[in-house]
Amino acid sequence: GAFKFRGACNAIFSLDNDQAAKGVVTHSSGNHAAAVALAAKIRGIPAYIVIPKNAPECKVENVRRYGGNIFWSEATMQSRESISTKVMEDTGAILIHPFNDSRIISGQGTISLELLEQIPQIDTIIVPISGGGLISGVALAAKAIKPSIRIFAAEPRGANDAAQSKAAGRIITLSETNTIADGLRAFLGDLTWPIVRDLVDEVIVVEDMEIIQAMKMCYEILKVAVEPSGAIGLAAVLSHSFQQNPTWKDSTNIAIIVSGGNVDMGILWESYNK
């Protein structure tokens, strides 16, 4: 139900047999975890998945369904990484980082190849941003094919580290994040940051309520189930800051990456009712 399967497949199927034999390990709040579990299952190797305790239950169930071996962590990146390191030491498994990995970035870049093959006149692509794996792949591939294309990132106000990083010219991390978009809480890595810095033209920051309204539109008009992280690109295009900015008036053929349909329905209903 998400783009993450592209990068996970590229990373796992590029391992040689000796590397793959002991399995793979990753840490993720959801979609990458499920993607690694499924790609590993297809290859016939073990997958050890470190998941924070606050991950949506629907995403945890996906990992279980695909045969991943789950290890729990606290919500912090430090906890996720330390437990992943321990699992690697105990099993000899290879780390498949959720975004800061060139194989992951390359796999996600296939989205741009398909988009521009199908609709060459696209002049702008809007992409959700978190750790930056998706937007890095999309930007590298798209700008290699069509250098004039614009790449905009969409980011929630409660996790706007990418916007702050672009403004500061260096990686900014936040002490905490607060957003309904559970898939957009990671921070940029040393591989993804230079790509975002140099190839992403702008970061559009939106409020959670705008994300919820975009989800509602997807359900009611497109008849598509979209999680908050997937709906944020549409929210960005519909936002006042995008619509009223004269800099972007030439963006007339806009592609929006809508990826991720794993919705925690209980939290969604609570958000609708606020």
C-alpha atoms as a PDB file:
ATOM      1  CA  GLY A   1       0.000   0.000   0.000  1.00  0.00           C
ATOM      2  CA  ALA A   2       2.957   2.402  -0.321  1.00  0.00           C
ATOM      3  CA  PHE A   3       5.991   3.351  -2.428  1.00  0.00           C
ATOM      4  CA  LYS A   4       8.318   1.801   0.153  1.00  0.00           C
ATOM      5  CA  PHE A   5       8.125  -1.584  -1.586  1.00  0.00           C
ATOM      6  CA  ARG A   6      10.164  -0.191  -4.493  1.00  0.00           C
ATOM      7  CA  GLY A   7      13.183   0.716  -2.399  1.00  0.00           C
ATOM      8  CA  ALA A   8      12.940  -2.379  -0.194  1.00  0.00           C
ATOM      9  CA  CYS A   9      12.928  -4.680  -3.218  1.00  0.00           C
ATOM     10  CA  ASN A  10      15.847  -2.865  -4.810  1.00  0.00           C
ATOM     11  CA  ALA A  11      17.893  -3.096  -1.596  1.00  0.00           C
ATOM     12  CA  ILE A  12      17.069  -6.703  -0.719  1.00  0.00           C
ATOM     13  CA  PHE A  13      17.351  -8.171  -4.214  1.00  0.00           C
ATOM     14  CA  SER A  14      20.722  -6.439  -4.727  1.00  0.00           C
ATOM     15  CA  LEU A  15      22.268  -8.395  -1.831  1.00  0.00           C
ATOM     16  CA  ASP A  16      24.437 -11.337  -2.815  1.00  0.00           C
ATOM     17  CA  ASN A  17      23.514 -14.747  -1.447  1.00  0.00           C
ATOM     18  CA  ASP A  18      26.077 -14.701   1.364  1.00  0.00           C
ATOM     19  CA  GLN A  19      24.889 -11.287   2.537  1.00  0.00           C
ATOM     20  CA  ALA A  20      21.239 -12.234   2.342  1.00  0.00           C
ATOM     21  CA  ALA A  21      21.555 -15.602   4.090  1.00  0.00           C
ATOM     22  CA  LYS A  22      21.413 -14.159   7.606  1.00  0.00           C
ATOM     23  CA  GLY A  23      18.479 -11.892   6.813  1.00  0.00           C
ATOM     24  CA  VAL A  24      17.832  -8.180   6.977  1.00  0.00           C
ATOM     25  CA  VAL A  25      16.967  -5.764   9.760  1.00  0.00           C
ATOM     26  CA  THR A  26      15.288  -2.367   9.693  1.00  0.00           C
ATOM     27  CA  HIS A  27      13.554   0.107  11.974  1.00  0.00           C
ATOM     28  CA  SER A  28      10.340   1.781  10.884  1.00  0.00           C
ATOM     29  CA  SER A  29       7.006   3.085  12.131  1.00  0.00           C
ATOM     30  CA  GLY A  30       5.117   1.233   9.450  1.00  0.00           C
ATOM     31  CA  ASN A  31       5.224   1.164   5.671  1.00  0.00           C
ATOM     32  CA  HIS A  32       8.963   0.543   5.212  1.00  0.00           C
ATOM     33  CA  ALA A  33       8.722  -2.170   7.882  1.00  0.00           C
ATOM     34  CA  ALA A  34       6.011  -3.967   5.924  1.00  0.00           C
ATOM     35  CA  ALA A  35       7.870  -3.484   2.640  1.00  0.00           C
ATOM     36  CA  VAL A  36      11.076  -5.016   4.009  1.00  0.00           C
ATOM     37  CA  ALA A  37       9.134  -7.910   5.539  1.00  0.00           C
ATOM     38  CA  LEU A  38       7.407  -8.657   2.224  1.00  0.00           C
ATOM     39  CA  ALA A  39      10.519  -8.259   0.049  1.00  0.00           C
ATOM     40  CA  ALA A  40      12.448 -10.543   2.415  1.00  0.00           C
ATOM     41  CA  LYS A  41       9.620 -13.090   2.338  1.00  0.00           C
ATOM     42  CA  ILE A  42       9.701 -13.116  -1.472  1.00  0.00           C
ATOM     43  CA  ARG A  43      13.470 -13.657  -1.408  1.00  0.00           C
ATOM     44  CA  GLY A  44      13.104 -16.346   1.253  1.00  0.00           C
ATOM     45  CA  ILE A  45      15.211 -14.756   3.986  1.00  0.00           C
ATOM     46  CA  PRO A  46      14.400 -13.611   7.549  1.00  0.00           C
ATOM     47  CA  ALA A  47      13.349 -10.020   8.266  1.00  0.00           C
ATOM     48  CA  TYR A  48      13.892  -8.487  11.712  1.00  0.00           C
ATOM     49  CA  ILE A  49      11.750  -5.396  12.129  1.00  0.00           C
ATOM     50  CA  VAL A  50      12.191  -2.847  14.924  1.00  0.00           C
ATOM     51  CA  ILE A  51       8.932  -0.949  15.412  1.00  0.00           C
ATOM     52  CA  PRO A  52       8.241   1.924  17.842  1.00  0.00           C
ATOM     53  CA  LYS A  53       5.498   1.209  20.353  1.00  0.00           C
ATOM     54  CA  ASN A  54       3.373   4.100  19.064  1.00  0.00           C
ATOM     55  CA  ALA A  55       3.165   2.774  15.484  1.00  0.00           C
ATOM     56  CA  PRO A  56      -0.361   2.423  14.037  1.00  0.00           C
ATOM     57  CA  GLU A  57      -1.756  -1.042  14.689  1.00  0.00           C
ATOM     58  CA  CYS A  58      -2.796  -1.478  11.047  1.00  0.00           C
ATOM     59  CA  LYS A  59       0.849  -1.088   9.983  1.00  0.00           C
ATOM     60  CA  VAL A  60       2.064  -3.514  12.655  1.00  0.00           C
ATOM     61  CA  GLU A  61      -0.471  -6.046  11.383  1.00  0.00           C
ATOM     62  CA  ASN A  62       0.948  -5.678   7.874  1.00  0.00           C
ATOM     63  CA  VAL A  63       4.411  -6.623   9.170  1.00  0.00           C
ATOM     64  CA  ARG A  64       2.972  -9.664  10.958  1.00  0.00           C
ATOM     65  CA  ARG A  65       1.044 -10.700   7.861  1.00  0.00           C
ATOM     66  CA  TYR A  66       4.213 -10.598   5.751  1.00  0.00           C
ATOM     67  CA  GLY A  67       6.154 -12.712   8.259  1.00  0.00           C
ATOM     68  CA  GLY A  68       8.421 -10.081   9.842  1.00  0.00           C
ATOM     69  CA  ASN A  69       9.994 -10.810  13.234  1.00  0.00           C
ATOM     70  CA  ILE A  70       9.000  -7.805  15.384  1.00  0.00           C
ATOM     71  CA  PHE A  71      11.160  -6.142  18.045  1.00  0.00           C
ATOM     72  CA  TRP A  72       9.669  -3.206  19.952  1.00  0.00           C
ATOM     73  CA  SER A  73      11.403   0.102  20.626  1.00  0.00           C
ATOM     74  CA  GLU A  74      10.528   3.417  22.179  1.00  0.00           C
ATOM     75  CA  ALA A  75       9.363   6.175  19.827  1.00  0.00           C
ATOM     76  CA  THR A  76      12.744   7.923  19.684  1.00  0.00           C
ATOM     77  CA  MET A  77      15.161   7.424  16.792  1.00  0.00           C
ATOM     78  CA  GLN A  78      17.908   6.667  19.326  1.00  0.00           C
ATOM     79  CA  SER A  79      15.915   3.744  20.716  1.00  0.00           C
ATOM     80  CA  ARG A  80      15.053   2.444  17.247  1.00  0.00           C
ATOM     81  CA  GLU A  81      18.676   2.554  16.135  1.00  0.00           C
ATOM     82  CA  SER A  82      20.159   1.033  19.294  1.00  0.00           C
ATOM     83  CA  ILE A  83      17.779  -1.935  19.189  1.00  0.00           C
ATOM     84  CA  SER A  84      18.454  -2.398  15.466  1.00  0.00           C
ATOM     85  CA  THR A  85      22.196  -2.490  16.213  1.00  0.00           C
ATOM     86  CA  LYS A  86      21.646  -5.125  18.917  1.00  0.00           C
ATOM     87  CA  VAL A  87      19.590  -7.276  16.532  1.00  0.00           C
ATOM     88  CA  MET A  88      22.314  -6.965  13.872  1.00  0.00           C
ATOM     89  CA  GLU A  89      24.944  -8.074  16.382  1.00  0.00           C
ATOM     90  CA  ASP A  90      22.843 -11.040  17.505  1.00  0.00           C
ATOM     91  CA  THR A  91      21.792 -12.250  14.047  1.00  0.00           C
ATOM     92  CA  GLY A  92      24.384 -10.990  11.562  1.00  0.00           C
ATOM     93  CA  ALA A  93      21.533  -9.483   9.513  1.00  0.00           C
ATOM     94  CA  ILE A  94      22.154  -6.652   7.039  1.00  0.00           C
ATOM     95  CA  LEU A  95      20.677  -3.224   7.827  1.00  0.00           C
ATOM     96  CA  ILE A  96      18.178  -1.856   5.300  1.00  0.00           C
ATOM     97  CA  HIS A  97      17.829   1.747   6.445  1.00  0.00           C
ATOM     98  CA  PRO A  98      14.370   3.241   5.835  1.00  0.00           C
ATOM     99  CA  PHE A  99      15.685   6.212   3.852  1.00  0.00           C
ATOM    100  CA  ASN A 100      19.427   6.918   4.273  1.00  0.00           C
ATOM    101  CA  ASP A 101      20.502   4.203   1.833  1.00  0.00           C
ATOM    102  CA  SER A 102      21.449   4.656  -1.825  1.00  0.00           C
ATOM    103  CA  ARG A 103      19.666   1.416  -2.800  1.00  0.00           C
ATOM    104  CA  ILE A 104      16.459   2.655  -1.178  1.00  0.00           C
ATOM    105  CA  ILE A 105      16.762   6.063  -2.861  1.00  0.00           C
ATOM    106  CA  SER A 106      17.325   4.432  -6.269  1.00  0.00           C
ATOM    107  CA  GLY A 107      14.290   2.204  -5.867  1.00  0.00           C
ATOM    108  CA  GLN A 108      12.048   5.141  -5.006  1.00  0.00           C
ATOM    109  CA  GLY A 109      13.333   7.006  -8.070  1.00  0.00           C
ATOM    110  CA  THR A 110      11.454   4.580 -10.328  1.00  0.00           C
ATOM    111  CA  ILE A 111       8.344   6.641  -9.537  1.00  0.00           C
ATOM    112  CA  SER A 112       9.740   9.532 -11.596  1.00  0.00           C
ATOM    113  CA  LEU A 113      10.658   7.224 -14.461  1.00  0.00           C
ATOM    114  CA  GLU A 114       7.073   5.972 -14.668  1.00  0.00           C
ATOM    115  CA  LEU A 115       5.477   9.386 -14.178  1.00  0.00           C
ATOM    116  CA  LEU A 116       7.473  11.142 -16.883  1.00  0.00           C
ATOM    117  CA  GLU A 117       7.136   8.216 -19.263  1.00  0.00           C
ATOM    118  CA  GLN A 118       3.348   8.386 -18.916  1.00  0.00           C
ATOM    119  CA  ILE A 119       2.961  12.186 -18.754  1.00  0.00           C
ATOM    120  CA  PRO A 120       6.054  13.964 -20.185  1.00  0.00           C
ATOM    121  CA  GLN A 121       4.473  17.432 -19.863  1.00  0.00           C
ATOM    122  CA  ILE A 122       4.636  17.385 -16.041  1.00  0.00           C
ATOM    123  CA  ASP A 123       6.421  20.547 -14.874  1.00  0.00           C
ATOM    124  CA  THR A 124       6.092  20.113 -11.084  1.00  0.00           C
ATOM    125  CA  ILE A 125       6.124  17.121  -8.738  1.00  0.00           C
ATOM    126  CA  ILE A 126       4.954  17.414  -5.133  1.00  0.00           C
ATOM    127  CA  VAL A 127       6.270  14.789  -2.748  1.00  0.00           C
ATOM    128  CA  PRO A 128       5.798  14.067   0.976  1.00  0.00           C
ATOM    129  CA  ILE A 129       9.031  14.473   2.945  1.00  0.00           C
ATOM    130  CA  SER A 130      10.247  12.776   6.104  1.00  0.00           C
ATOM    131  CA  GLY A 131      13.671  11.119   6.092  1.00  0.00           C
ATOM    132  CA  GLY A 132      13.973  12.091   2.438  1.00  0.00           C
ATOM    133  CA  GLY A 133      14.352   8.721   0.719  1.00  0.00           C
ATOM    134  CA  LEU A 134      11.307   9.150  -1.495  1.00  0.00           C
ATOM    135  CA  ILE A 135      11.890  12.754  -2.492  1.00  0.00           C
ATOM    136  CA  SER A 136      15.618  12.146  -3.054  1.00  0.00           C
ATOM    137  CA  GLY A 137      14.911   9.350  -5.513  1.00  0.00           C
ATOM    138  CA  VAL A 138      12.121  11.304  -7.205  1.00  0.00           C
ATOM    139  CA  ALA A 139      14.247  14.459  -7.514  1.00  0.00           C
ATOM    140  CA  LEU A 140      17.393  12.729  -8.802  1.00  0.00           C
ATOM    141  CA  ALA A 141      15.529  10.776 -11.465  1.00  0.00           C
ATOM    142  CA  ALA A 142      13.149  13.552 -12.504  1.00  0.00           C
ATOM    143  CA  LYS A 143      15.814  16.240 -12.839  1.00  0.00           C
ATOM    144  CA  ALA A 144      18.097  13.860 -14.738  1.00  0.00           C
ATOM    145  CA  ILE A 145      15.291  13.286 -17.261  1.00  0.00           C
ATOM    146  CA  LYS A 146      13.918  16.852 -17.277  1.00  0.00           C
ATOM    147  CA  PRO A 147      16.256  19.424 -15.646  1.00  0.00           C
ATOM    148  CA  SER A 148      13.629  22.186 -15.734  1.00  0.00           C
ATOM    149  CA  ILE A 149      11.148  20.260 -13.586  1.00  0.00           C
ATOM    150  CA  ARG A 150      10.270  21.624 -10.142  1.00  0.00           C
ATOM    151  CA  ILE A 151      10.303  19.410  -7.076  1.00  0.00           C
ATOM    152  CA  PHE A 152       8.316  20.594  -4.042  1.00  0.00           C
ATOM    153  CA  ALA A 153       8.267  18.856  -0.680  1.00  0.00           C
ATOM    154  CA  ALA A 154       5.109  18.697   1.440  1.00  0.00           C
ATOM    155  CA  GLU A 155       5.593  18.638   5.211  1.00  0.00           C
ATOM    156  CA  PRO A 156       3.332  18.890   8.286  1.00  0.00           C
ATOM    157  CA  ARG A 157       3.674  21.914  10.577  1.00  0.00           C
ATOM    158  CA  GLY A 158       4.267  19.664  13.578  1.00  0.00           C
ATOM    159  CA  ALA A 159       7.282  17.987  11.961  1.00  0.00           C
ATOM    160  CA  ASN A 160       8.715  20.766   9.795  1.00  0.00           C
ATOM    161  CA  ASP A 161      12.398  19.913  10.182  1.00  0.00           C
ATOM    162  CA  ALA A 162      12.987  19.843   6.402  1.00  0.00           C
ATOM    163  CA  ALA A 163      11.659  23.390   5.995  1.00  0.00           C
ATOM    164  CA  GLN A 164      13.845  24.519   8.897  1.00  0.00           C
ATOM    165  CA  SER A 165      16.841  22.678   7.431  1.00  0.00           C
ATOM    166  CA  LYS A 166      16.391  24.349   4.047  1.00  0.00           C
ATOM    167  CA  ALA A 167      16.158  27.751   5.726  1.00  0.00           C
ATOM    168  CA  ALA A 168      19.227  27.143   7.897  1.00  0.00           C
ATOM    169  CA  GLY A 169      21.357  25.449   5.247  1.00  0.00           C
ATOM    170  CA  ARG A 170      22.071  22.483   7.533  1.00  0.00           C
ATOM    171  CA  ILE A 171      20.225  19.507   9.010  1.00  0.00           C
ATOM    172  CA  ILE A 172      17.837  20.555  11.757  1.00  0.00           C
ATOM    173  CA  THR A 173      16.294  17.915  14.030  1.00  0.00           C
ATOM    174  CA  LEU A 174      13.373  18.530  16.362  1.00  0.00           C
ATOM    175  CA  SER A 175      13.168  17.545  20.022  1.00  0.00           C
ATOM    176  CA  GLU A 176       9.656  16.246  19.361  1.00  0.00           C
ATOM    177  CA  THR A 177       7.105  16.010  16.559  1.00  0.00           C
ATOM    178  CA  ASN A 178       3.334  16.405  16.726  1.00  0.00           C
ATOM    179  CA  THR A 179       1.340  15.493  13.647  1.00  0.00           C
ATOM    180  CA  ILE A 180      -1.360  13.100  12.481  1.00  0.00           C
ATOM    181  CA  ALA A 181       1.000  12.126   9.633  1.00  0.00           C
ATOM    182  CA  ASP A 182       2.753   9.304  11.491  1.00  0.00           C
ATOM    183  CA  GLY A 183       4.886   8.419   8.460  1.00  0.00           C
ATOM    184  CA  LEU A 184       6.488  11.892   8.314  1.00  0.00           C
ATOM    185  CA  ARG A 185       8.202  12.098  11.690  1.00  0.00           C
ATOM    186  CA  ALA A 186      11.761  11.099  10.705  1.00  0.00           C
ATOM    187  CA  PHE A 187      14.600  13.559  10.072  1.00  0.00           C
ATOM    188  CA  LEU A 188      16.883  13.934   7.055  1.00  0.00           C
ATOM    189  CA  GLY A 189      20.058  11.841   6.859  1.00  0.00           C
ATOM    190  CA  ASP A 190      23.542  12.587   5.565  1.00  0.00           C
ATOM    191  CA  LEU A 191      22.717  10.998   2.199  1.00  0.00           C
ATOM    192  CA  THR A 192      19.300  12.570   1.712  1.00  0.00           C
ATOM    193  CA  TRP A 193      20.037  16.063   3.027  1.00  0.00           C
ATOM    194  CA  PRO A 194      22.440  17.182   0.220  1.00  0.00           C
ATOM    195  CA  ILE A 195      19.915  16.017  -2.383  1.00  0.00           C
ATOM    196  CA  VAL A 196      17.069  17.858  -0.664  1.00  0.00           C
ATOM    197  CA  ARG A 197      19.269  20.929  -0.213  1.00  0.00           C
ATOM    198  CA  ASP A 198      20.316  21.073  -3.864  1.00  0.00           C
ATOM    199  CA  LEU A 199      17.409  19.597  -5.851  1.00  0.00           C
ATOM    200  CA  VAL A 200      14.215  20.343  -3.891  1.00  0.00           C
ATOM    201  CA  ASP A 201      12.975  23.769  -4.932  1.00  0.00           C
ATOM    202  CA  GLU A 202      10.676  24.492  -1.986  1.00  0.00           C
ATOM    203  CA  VAL A 203       9.122  22.948   1.119  1.00  0.00           C
ATOM    204  CA  ILE A 204       5.397  23.617   1.556  1.00  0.00           C
ATOM    205  CA  VAL A 205       4.291  23.330   5.186  1.00  0.00           C
ATOM    206  CA  VAL A 206       0.663  22.452   5.911  1.00  0.00           C
ATOM    207  CA  GLU A 207      -1.519  22.093   8.987  1.00  0.00           C
ATOM    208  CA  ASP A 208      -2.930  18.767  10.157  1.00  0.00           C
ATOM    209  CA  MET A 209      -6.481  19.954   9.489  1.00  0.00           C
ATOM    210  CA  GLU A 210      -5.532  20.603   5.849  1.00  0.00           C
ATOM    211  CA  ILE A 211      -4.217  17.030   5.650  1.00  0.00           C
ATOM    212  CA  ILE A 212      -7.481  15.681   7.063  1.00  0.00           C
ATOM    213  CA  GLN A 213      -9.495  17.678   4.527  1.00  0.00           C
ATOM    214  CA  ALA A 214      -7.324  16.283   1.706  1.00  0.00           C
ATOM    215  CA  MET A 215      -7.914  12.747   2.999  1.00  0.00           C
ATOM    216  CA  LYS A 216     -11.636  13.452   3.030  1.00  0.00           C
ATOM    217  CA  MET A 217     -11.484  14.615  -0.580  1.00  0.00           C
ATOM    218  CA  CYS A 218      -9.605  11.448  -1.586  1.00  0.00           C
ATOM    219  CA  TYR A 219     -12.268   9.288   0.041  1.00  0.00           C
ATOM    220  CA  GLU A 220     -15.276  11.207  -1.244  1.00  0.00           C
ATOM    221  CA  ILE A 221     -14.176  12.118  -4.774  1.00  0.00           C
ATOM    222  CA  LEU A 222     -11.344   9.798  -5.800  1.00  0.00           C
ATOM    223  CA  LYS A 223     -12.690   6.812  -3.816  1.00  0.00           C
ATOM    224  CA  VAL A 224      -9.126   6.133  -2.666  1.00  0.00           C
ATOM    225  CA  ALA A 225      -8.036   5.203   0.865  1.00  0.00           C
ATOM    226  CA  VAL A 226      -5.087   7.441   1.748  1.00  0.00           C
ATOM    227  CA  GLU A 227      -3.256   7.740   5.047  1.00  0.00           C
ATOM    228  CA  PRO A 228      -2.321  11.236   6.306  1.00  0.00           C
ATOM    229  CA  SER A 229       1.284  11.001   5.081  1.00  0.00           C
ATOM    230  CA  GLY A 230       0.030  10.137   1.606  1.00  0.00           C
ATOM    231  CA  ALA A 231      -2.552  12.909   1.438  1.00  0.00           C
ATOM    232  CA  ILE A 232      -0.165  15.718   2.366  1.00  0.00           C
ATOM    233  CA  GLY A 233       0.844  16.450  -1.245  1.00  0.00           C
ATOM    234  CA  LEU A 234      -2.757  17.146  -2.174  1.00  0.00           C
ATOM    235  CA  ALA A 235      -3.133  19.240   0.980  1.00  0.00           C
ATOM    236  CA  ALA A 236      -0.107  21.280  -0.091  1.00  0.00           C
ATOM    237  CA  VAL A 237      -1.516  21.999  -3.571  1.00  0.00           C
ATOM    238  CA  LEU A 238      -4.855  23.048  -2.087  1.00  0.00           C
ATOM    239  CA  SER A 239      -3.248  25.222   0.600  1.00  0.00           C
ATOM    240  CA  HIS A 240      -3.518  29.008   0.592  1.00  0.00           C
ATOM    241  CA  SER A 241       0.274  29.366   0.690  1.00  0.00           C
ATOM    242  CA  PHE A 242       0.618  27.433  -2.573  1.00  0.00           C
ATOM    243  CA  GLN A 243      -2.417  28.886  -4.352  1.00  0.00           C
ATOM    244  CA  GLN A 244      -1.511  32.491  -3.589  1.00  0.00           C
ATOM    245  CA  ASN A 245       2.247  32.336  -4.208  1.00  0.00           C
ATOM    246  CA  PRO A 246       3.066  34.103  -7.520  1.00  0.00           C
ATOM    247  CA  THR A 247       6.384  32.226  -7.736  1.00  0.00           C
ATOM    248  CA  TRP A 248       4.501  29.038  -8.548  1.00  0.00           C
ATOM    249  CA  LYS A 249       1.965  30.388 -11.053  1.00  0.00           C
ATOM    250  CA  ASP A 250       3.843  28.578 -13.862  1.00  0.00           C
ATOM    251  CA  SER A 251       3.214  25.197 -12.230  1.00  0.00           C
ATOM    252  CA  THR A 252       0.354  24.112 -14.451  1.00  0.00           C
ATOM    253  CA  ASN A 253       0.977  20.376 -14.957  1.00  0.00           C
ATOM    254  CA  ILE A 254       1.411  19.159 -11.391  1.00  0.00           C
ATOM    255  CA  ALA A 255       1.988  15.558 -10.346  1.00  0.00           C
ATOM    256  CA  ILE A 256       1.241  14.694  -6.718  1.00  0.00           C
ATOM    257  CA  ILE A 257       2.738  11.584  -5.158  1.00  0.00           C
ATOM    258  CA  VAL A 258      -0.122  10.008  -3.184  1.00  0.00           C
ATOM    259  CA  SER A 259       1.382   7.001  -1.449  1.00  0.00           C
ATOM    260  CA  GLY A 260       0.305   5.064   1.616  1.00  0.00           C
ATOM    261  CA  GLY A 261      -3.150   3.702   2.308  1.00  0.00           C
ATOM    262  CA  ASN A 262      -2.603   2.279   5.780  1.00  0.00           C
ATOM    263  CA  VAL A 263      -4.965   4.286   7.951  1.00  0.00           C
ATOM    264  CA  ASP A 264      -5.538   3.870  11.678  1.00  0.00           C
ATOM    265  CA  MET A 265      -9.308   4.287  11.431  1.00  0.00           C
ATOM    266  CA  GLY A 266      -9.829   4.997  15.141  1.00  0.00           C
ATOM    267  CA  ILE A 267      -7.454   7.946  15.100  1.00  0.00           C
ATOM    268  CA  LEU A 268      -8.959   9.124  11.816  1.00  0.00           C
ATOM    269  CA  TRP A 269     -12.493   9.252  13.241  1.00  0.00           C
ATOM    270  CA  GLU A 270     -11.228  11.127  16.306  1.00  0.00           C
ATOM    271  CA  SER A 271      -9.560  13.673  14.021  1.00  0.00           C
ATOM    272  CA  TYR A 272     -12.722  14.121  11.954  1.00  0.00           C
ATOM    273  CA  ASN A 273     -14.730  14.791  15.080  1.00  0.00           C
ATOM    274  CA  LYS A 274     -12.429  17.445  16.562  1.00  0.00           C
END
